[in-house]
Amino acid sequence: MAKVILTEIGEGVREATISYWHFEEGDRIEEGEDLVEIATDKSTQNIPAPCSGVLTEVFFEEGDIIEVGEVLANIEEEEISFEEEE
């Protein structure tokens, strides 16, 4: 399980507002895809998915204020299996 955490987003910025979730719980996402858009008093930016998998839990709704270090969501990572050629 991978946790999506709000990391440092700018010097002196300690909180942001969830603007828009690009995916819903249960959706499959690819590493690097825009997952959630956040806004601060200085900028608006997207947070990418840290891994590929299924978005299993979203802890905040659009309009919620979040602080740096909080867990925004969980992603159930996909296990990669390689089939042997015969």
N, C-alpha and C. Protein backbone atom coordinates (compact mmCIF):
# COMPACT_ATOMS: atom_id res chain seq x y z
N MET A 1 0.85 -1.18 0.00
CA MET A 1 0.00 0.00 0.00
C MET A 1 0.89 1.24 0.00
N ALA A 2 0.68 2.11 -0.95
CA ALA A 2 1.44 3.36 -1.03
C ALA A 2 0.57 4.50 -0.50
N LYS A 3 1.18 5.35 0.29
CA LYS A 3 0.48 6.51 0.83
C LYS A 3 0.84 7.73 0.00
N VAL A 4 -0.18 8.52 -0.35
CA VAL A 4 0.05 9.77 -1.07
C VAL A 4 0.08 10.86 0.00
N ILE A 5 1.26 11.46 0.19
CA ILE A 5 1.47 12.44 1.25
C ILE A 5 1.72 13.81 0.65
N LEU A 6 1.14 14.83 1.27
CA LEU A 6 1.41 16.20 0.83
C LEU A 6 2.80 16.58 1.32
N THR A 7 3.72 16.67 0.38
CA THR A 7 5.10 17.03 0.71
C THR A 7 5.26 18.55 0.64
N GLU A 8 6.47 19.02 0.93
CA GLU A 8 6.76 20.46 0.85
C GLU A 8 6.32 20.99 -0.51
N ILE A 9 5.57 22.08 -0.50
CA ILE A 9 5.05 22.62 -1.75
C ILE A 9 5.54 24.03 -2.04
N GLY A 10 6.38 24.54 -1.17
CA GLY A 10 6.93 25.87 -1.38
C GLY A 10 7.45 26.41 -0.06
N GLU A 11 8.40 27.29 -0.15
CA GLU A 11 9.00 27.85 1.05
C GLU A 11 7.95 28.60 1.88
N GLY A 12 7.79 28.20 3.12
CA GLY A 12 6.86 28.85 4.02
C GLY A 12 5.41 28.44 3.87
N VAL A 13 5.11 27.57 2.89
CA VAL A 13 3.73 27.12 2.67
C VAL A 13 3.50 25.88 3.51
N ARG A 14 2.54 25.94 4.42
CA ARG A 14 2.29 24.83 5.34
C ARG A 14 0.96 24.14 5.08
N GLU A 15 0.09 24.75 4.25
CA GLU A 15 -1.21 24.13 3.98
C GLU A 15 -1.67 24.45 2.57
N ALA A 16 -2.63 23.65 2.11
CA ALA A 16 -3.19 23.82 0.77
C ALA A 16 -4.65 23.39 0.81
N THR A 17 -5.37 23.74 -0.23
CA THR A 17 -6.77 23.34 -0.36
C THR A 17 -6.89 22.34 -1.50
N ILE A 18 -7.64 21.26 -1.27
CA ILE A 18 -7.91 20.29 -2.33
C ILE A 18 -8.84 20.97 -3.33
N SER A 19 -8.38 21.11 -4.57
CA SER A 19 -9.20 21.73 -5.61
C SER A 19 -10.02 20.70 -6.38
N TYR A 20 -9.35 19.60 -6.77
CA TYR A 20 -10.01 18.64 -7.66
C TYR A 20 -9.30 17.29 -7.63
N TRP A 21 -10.07 16.23 -7.44
CA TRP A 21 -9.54 14.88 -7.57
C TRP A 21 -9.74 14.44 -9.01
N HIS A 22 -8.68 13.99 -9.67
CA HIS A 22 -8.77 13.53 -11.05
C HIS A 22 -9.30 12.10 -11.14
N PHE A 23 -9.28 11.38 -10.03
CA PHE A 23 -9.75 10.00 -9.98
C PHE A 23 -10.62 9.80 -8.75
N GLU A 24 -11.41 8.71 -8.76
CA GLU A 24 -12.25 8.35 -7.62
C GLU A 24 -11.76 7.04 -7.03
N GLU A 25 -12.19 6.75 -5.82
CA GLU A 25 -11.84 5.47 -5.20
C GLU A 25 -12.27 4.34 -6.12
N GLY A 26 -11.38 3.36 -6.26
CA GLY A 26 -11.65 2.21 -7.13
C GLY A 26 -11.09 2.36 -8.53
N ASP A 27 -10.67 3.58 -8.90
CA ASP A 27 -10.10 3.80 -10.23
C ASP A 27 -8.66 3.29 -10.28
N ARG A 28 -8.28 2.78 -11.46
CA ARG A 28 -6.91 2.36 -11.70
C ARG A 28 -6.13 3.57 -12.21
N ILE A 29 -4.94 3.76 -11.68
CA ILE A 29 -4.11 4.90 -12.08
C ILE A 29 -2.71 4.43 -12.42
N GLU A 30 -2.05 5.22 -13.24
CA GLU A 30 -0.67 4.93 -13.65
C GLU A 30 0.27 5.89 -12.93
N GLU A 31 1.44 5.41 -12.59
CA GLU A 31 2.45 6.25 -11.96
C GLU A 31 2.68 7.51 -12.80
N GLY A 32 2.70 8.65 -12.13
CA GLY A 32 2.95 9.92 -12.79
C GLY A 32 1.72 10.65 -13.28
N GLU A 33 0.56 9.97 -13.35
CA GLU A 33 -0.66 10.66 -13.75
C GLU A 33 -1.07 11.65 -12.67
N ASP A 34 -1.67 12.77 -13.09
CA ASP A 34 -2.16 13.74 -12.13
C ASP A 34 -3.25 13.10 -11.29
N LEU A 35 -3.06 13.10 -9.97
CA LEU A 35 -4.00 12.48 -9.05
C LEU A 35 -4.94 13.51 -8.43
N VAL A 36 -4.35 14.59 -7.92
CA VAL A 36 -5.16 15.59 -7.23
C VAL A 36 -4.55 16.97 -7.48
N GLU A 37 -5.43 17.96 -7.64
CA GLU A 37 -4.99 19.34 -7.79
C GLU A 37 -5.15 20.05 -6.46
N ILE A 38 -4.10 20.78 -6.06
CA ILE A 38 -4.15 21.54 -4.81
C ILE A 38 -3.88 23.01 -5.11
N ALA A 39 -4.39 23.86 -4.23
CA ALA A 39 -4.17 25.31 -4.39
C ALA A 39 -3.67 25.89 -3.08
N THR A 40 -2.70 26.79 -3.20
CA THR A 40 -2.23 27.55 -2.04
C THR A 40 -2.46 29.02 -2.35
N ASP A 41 -2.08 29.89 -1.43
CA ASP A 41 -2.22 31.32 -1.70
C ASP A 41 -1.24 31.78 -2.77
N LYS A 42 -0.26 30.93 -3.11
CA LYS A 42 0.76 31.32 -4.09
C LYS A 42 0.63 30.61 -5.44
N SER A 43 0.05 29.41 -5.46
CA SER A 43 0.01 28.66 -6.72
C SER A 43 -1.03 27.55 -6.69
N THR A 44 -1.26 26.99 -7.87
CA THR A 44 -2.09 25.80 -8.04
C THR A 44 -1.21 24.77 -8.73
N GLN A 45 -1.25 23.53 -8.22
CA GLN A 45 -0.42 22.48 -8.83
C GLN A 45 -1.07 21.13 -8.67
N ASN A 46 -0.61 20.19 -9.49
CA ASN A 46 -1.10 18.82 -9.42
C ASN A 46 -0.09 17.95 -8.69
N ILE A 47 -0.60 17.00 -7.94
CA ILE A 47 0.24 16.00 -7.30
C ILE A 47 0.08 14.72 -8.10
N PRO A 48 1.19 14.16 -8.61
CA PRO A 48 1.11 12.95 -9.42
C PRO A 48 1.02 11.70 -8.54
N ALA A 49 0.48 10.65 -9.13
CA ALA A 49 0.43 9.35 -8.46
C ALA A 49 1.85 8.83 -8.29
N PRO A 50 2.25 8.40 -7.10
CA PRO A 50 3.61 7.92 -6.86
C PRO A 50 3.87 6.52 -7.41
N CYS A 51 2.79 5.81 -7.79
CA CYS A 51 2.92 4.45 -8.30
C CYS A 51 1.67 4.10 -9.10
N SER A 52 1.75 3.00 -9.81
CA SER A 52 0.58 2.47 -10.51
C SER A 52 -0.20 1.57 -9.58
N GLY A 53 -1.52 1.55 -9.74
CA GLY A 53 -2.35 0.69 -8.91
C GLY A 53 -3.78 1.17 -8.88
N VAL A 54 -4.47 0.82 -7.80
CA VAL A 54 -5.87 1.20 -7.63
C VAL A 54 -5.98 2.16 -6.45
N LEU A 55 -6.66 3.27 -6.67
CA LEU A 55 -6.90 4.25 -5.62
C LEU A 55 -7.93 3.66 -4.66
N THR A 56 -7.48 3.26 -3.47
CA THR A 56 -8.37 2.55 -2.55
C THR A 56 -9.05 3.44 -1.52
N GLU A 57 -8.37 4.51 -1.10
CA GLU A 57 -8.96 5.40 -0.09
C GLU A 57 -8.56 6.84 -0.36
N VAL A 58 -9.54 7.73 -0.25
CA VAL A 58 -9.30 9.17 -0.34
C VAL A 58 -9.74 9.75 1.00
N PHE A 59 -8.84 10.47 1.67
CA PHE A 59 -9.11 10.93 3.02
C PHE A 59 -9.66 12.36 3.12
N PHE A 60 -9.59 13.11 2.01
CA PHE A 60 -10.07 14.49 2.02
C PHE A 60 -10.93 14.74 0.80
N GLU A 61 -11.88 15.65 0.93
CA GLU A 61 -12.76 16.01 -0.17
C GLU A 61 -12.34 17.33 -0.78
N GLU A 62 -12.85 17.61 -1.96
CA GLU A 62 -12.59 18.89 -2.59
C GLU A 62 -13.06 20.01 -1.67
N GLY A 63 -12.22 21.01 -1.50
CA GLY A 63 -12.53 22.13 -0.62
C GLY A 63 -11.91 22.01 0.76
N ASP A 64 -11.44 20.81 1.12
CA ASP A 64 -10.80 20.61 2.42
C ASP A 64 -9.41 21.25 2.44
N ILE A 65 -9.03 21.76 3.60
CA ILE A 65 -7.69 22.32 3.80
C ILE A 65 -6.82 21.24 4.43
N ILE A 66 -5.65 21.03 3.85
CA ILE A 66 -4.74 19.99 4.31
C ILE A 66 -3.40 20.62 4.66
N GLU A 67 -2.66 19.94 5.55
CA GLU A 67 -1.35 20.43 5.96
C GLU A 67 -0.25 19.55 5.40
N VAL A 68 0.91 20.14 5.20
CA VAL A 68 2.08 19.40 4.73
C VAL A 68 2.31 18.22 5.69
N GLY A 69 2.53 17.05 5.12
CA GLY A 69 2.78 15.84 5.91
C GLY A 69 1.56 14.96 6.07
N GLU A 70 0.37 15.46 5.73
CA GLU A 70 -0.84 14.64 5.87
C GLU A 70 -0.96 13.65 4.71
N VAL A 71 -1.57 12.50 5.01
CA VAL A 71 -1.83 11.48 4.00
C VAL A 71 -3.13 11.84 3.29
N LEU A 72 -3.05 11.99 1.96
CA LEU A 72 -4.22 12.36 1.17
C LEU A 72 -5.02 11.15 0.72
N ALA A 73 -4.30 10.07 0.40
CA ALA A 73 -4.95 8.88 -0.17
C ALA A 73 -4.02 7.68 -0.07
N ASN A 74 -4.60 6.49 -0.31
CA ASN A 74 -3.84 5.25 -0.39
C ASN A 74 -4.02 4.63 -1.77
N ILE A 75 -2.95 4.06 -2.28
CA ILE A 75 -2.99 3.35 -3.55
C ILE A 75 -2.51 1.93 -3.32
N GLU A 76 -3.32 0.97 -3.74
CA GLU A 76 -2.92 -0.44 -3.68
C GLU A 76 -2.05 -0.69 -4.90
N GLU A 77 -0.76 -0.89 -4.65
CA GLU A 77 0.18 -1.07 -5.75
C GLU A 77 -0.04 -2.39 -6.47
N GLU A 78 0.20 -2.36 -7.76
CA GLU A 78 0.08 -3.57 -8.55
C GLU A 78 1.37 -4.35 -8.46
N GLU A 79 1.23 -5.65 -8.36
CA GLU A 79 2.41 -6.50 -8.39
C GLU A 79 2.69 -6.85 -9.84
N ILE A 80 3.92 -6.70 -10.23
CA ILE A 80 4.30 -7.01 -11.61
C ILE A 80 4.77 -8.46 -11.66
N SER A 81 4.16 -9.20 -12.55
CA SER A 81 4.59 -10.60 -12.70
C SER A 81 5.10 -10.81 -14.11
N PHE A 82 6.18 -11.52 -14.19
CA PHE A 82 6.77 -11.82 -15.48
C PHE A 82 6.57 -13.30 -15.75
N GLU A 83 5.92 -13.58 -16.87
CA GLU A 83 5.70 -14.97 -17.23
C GLU A 83 6.92 -15.47 -17.98
N GLU A 84 7.33 -16.65 -17.62
CA GLU A 84 8.48 -17.25 -18.29
C GLU A 84 8.09 -17.77 -19.65
N GLU A 85 8.94 -17.56 -20.61
CA GLU A 85 8.69 -18.10 -21.94
C GLU A 85 9.14 -19.55 -21.97
N GLU A 86 8.36 -20.38 -22.63
CA GLU A 86 8.72 -21.80 -22.73
C GLU A 86 9.28 -22.10 -24.08
